Protein backbone atom coordinates (compact mmCIF):
# COMPACT_ATOMS: atom_id res chain seq x y z
CA UNK A 1 146.17 14.22 -96.00
CA UNK A 2 145.86 16.75 -98.65
CA UNK A 3 148.86 18.50 -100.67
CA UNK A 4 149.30 22.14 -101.35
CA UNK A 5 152.16 23.74 -102.54
CA UNK A 6 152.74 27.56 -101.92
CA UNK A 7 155.62 28.97 -103.88
CA UNK A 8 155.32 33.13 -103.52
CA UNK A 9 157.45 35.47 -102.04
CA UNK A 10 156.10 37.16 -99.06
CA UNK A 11 153.94 34.38 -97.89
CA UNK A 12 154.28 33.65 -94.09
CA UNK A 13 153.88 30.42 -92.34
CA UNK A 14 150.43 31.90 -90.80
CA UNK A 15 149.56 32.10 -94.64
CA UNK A 16 150.29 28.79 -95.37
CA UNK A 17 148.52 27.12 -92.42
CA UNK A 18 145.44 29.18 -93.70
CA UNK A 19 145.56 27.60 -96.91
CA UNK A 20 146.04 24.18 -95.21
CA UNK A 21 142.61 25.05 -93.05
CA UNK A 22 140.96 25.81 -95.69
CA UNK A 23 141.49 22.64 -97.60
CA UNK A 24 140.67 20.81 -94.58
CA UNK A 25 137.19 22.50 -94.26
CA UNK A 26 136.59 22.24 -97.96
CA UNK A 27 137.24 18.37 -97.82
CA UNK A 28 135.37 17.60 -94.38
CA UNK A 29 132.18 19.70 -95.71
CA UNK A 30 132.05 18.20 -99.20
CA UNK A 31 133.99 15.12 -99.11
CA UNK A 32 134.91 13.76 -102.58
CA UNK A 33 134.59 17.02 -104.34
CA UNK A 34 137.99 18.54 -105.85
CA UNK A 35 139.12 21.71 -104.91
CA UNK A 36 141.78 23.95 -105.81
CA UNK A 37 142.90 27.36 -104.12
CA UNK A 38 144.93 30.26 -105.55
CA UNK A 39 146.56 32.20 -103.03
CA UNK A 40 147.68 35.93 -102.97
CA UNK A 41 148.94 37.47 -100.04
CA UNK A 42 149.68 41.08 -101.25
CA UNK A 43 150.16 43.70 -98.41
CA UNK A 44 147.39 46.00 -99.77
CA UNK A 45 145.11 43.27 -99.45
CA UNK A 46 145.38 39.36 -100.27
CA UNK A 47 142.84 37.13 -101.40
CA UNK A 48 142.03 33.64 -101.73
CA UNK A 49 140.49 32.48 -104.61
CA UNK A 50 138.40 28.62 -103.86
CA UNK A 51 137.84 26.99 -107.42
CA UNK A 52 136.24 23.57 -108.14
CA UNK A 53 137.84 22.01 -111.35
CA UNK A 54 134.41 20.29 -112.37
CA UNK A 55 133.01 23.77 -112.80
CA UNK A 56 135.85 24.99 -115.03
CA UNK A 57 135.95 21.74 -116.80
CA UNK A 58 132.27 22.31 -117.36
CA UNK A 59 132.62 25.94 -118.67
CA UNK A 60 136.03 24.84 -120.85
CA UNK A 61 135.10 27.02 -123.68
CA UNK A 62 134.97 30.09 -121.52
CA UNK A 63 138.12 32.30 -121.09
CA UNK A 64 138.97 32.77 -117.43
CA UNK A 65 138.48 30.80 -113.95
CA UNK A 66 135.40 30.61 -112.53
CA UNK A 67 135.35 30.36 -108.43
CA UNK A 68 134.41 32.20 -105.38
CA UNK A 69 136.89 35.26 -104.28
CA UNK A 70 137.36 35.82 -100.39
CA UNK A 71 139.45 38.44 -99.10
CA UNK A 72 142.15 37.05 -96.30
CA UNK A 73 140.84 39.67 -93.81
CA UNK A 74 137.46 38.08 -93.97
CA UNK A 75 139.01 34.61 -93.54
CA UNK A 76 141.27 35.76 -90.73
CA UNK A 77 138.69 37.16 -88.47
CA UNK A 78 136.39 33.91 -89.21
CA UNK A 79 137.74 31.22 -87.05
CA UNK A 80 135.59 28.55 -87.80
CA UNK A 81 135.83 29.19 -91.65
CA UNK A 82 132.17 29.67 -92.05
CA UNK A 83 132.76 31.86 -94.94
CA UNK A 84 135.02 29.02 -96.54
CA UNK A 85 132.24 26.59 -96.10
CA UNK A 86 129.63 29.18 -97.41
CA UNK A 87 131.65 29.77 -100.48
CA UNK A 88 132.23 25.72 -101.61
CA UNK A 89 128.43 25.25 -100.56
CA UNK A 90 127.70 28.17 -103.21
CA UNK A 91 129.64 27.30 -106.00
CA UNK A 92 127.88 23.40 -105.67
CA UNK A 93 124.70 24.55 -105.47
CA UNK A 94 125.45 27.24 -108.74
CA UNK A 95 126.25 23.97 -110.61
CA UNK A 96 123.24 22.38 -108.83
CA UNK A 97 125.18 19.42 -107.32
CA UNK A 98 124.41 18.18 -103.94
CA UNK A 99 126.05 19.72 -100.84
CA UNK A 100 126.96 16.31 -99.40
CA UNK A 101 129.44 13.80 -100.50
CA UNK A 102 130.24 13.69 -104.07
CA UNK A 103 128.32 11.33 -106.23
CA UNK A 104 130.03 10.28 -109.33
CA UNK A 105 128.59 10.48 -112.83
CA UNK A 106 126.57 13.70 -111.98
CA UNK A 107 126.09 15.96 -115.08
CA UNK A 108 126.69 19.42 -114.77
CA UNK A 109 123.96 21.13 -116.88
CA UNK A 110 123.45 24.17 -116.00
CA UNK A 111 125.66 26.84 -114.13
CA UNK A 112 123.75 29.72 -112.10
CA UNK A 113 125.26 33.19 -112.49
CA UNK A 114 127.32 32.29 -115.79
CA UNK A 115 126.05 33.97 -119.00
CA UNK A 116 124.02 31.81 -121.38
CA UNK A 117 126.68 31.70 -123.85
CA UNK A 118 129.13 30.12 -121.28
CA UNK A 119 127.07 27.42 -120.40
CA UNK A 120 127.95 23.88 -121.00
CA UNK A 121 127.32 22.92 -124.28
CA UNK A 122 127.22 19.12 -123.40
CA UNK A 123 126.46 17.14 -120.59
CA UNK A 124 129.81 17.10 -118.81
CA UNK A 125 129.71 13.91 -116.39
CA UNK A 126 132.23 14.07 -113.54
């Protein structure tokens, strides 16, 4: 079972269930990888940020968090959560990591889509 905590006013039970389904989809599609989710359910249009901690560790000298943002209306209209699967897969591909089961001791040498000045300085083995 995956643990997650939501502590935000205005979050509905449907939102909590959605976060659980997103975690399950990511862990089922990409076993062994760690995932984090930041969730914002603002009435003006909520978003969900999918984050891979290994990516942010490799880019530790940058300001900000790197990840993939999906609008909640996109997720709610995708019953199979294919948009979540694609988002997780794209993050792994940007780090040049296999989409399959995570193999320990993979070094992140380059992250596609990140400016050269923010690339990993040394090999980071995860």
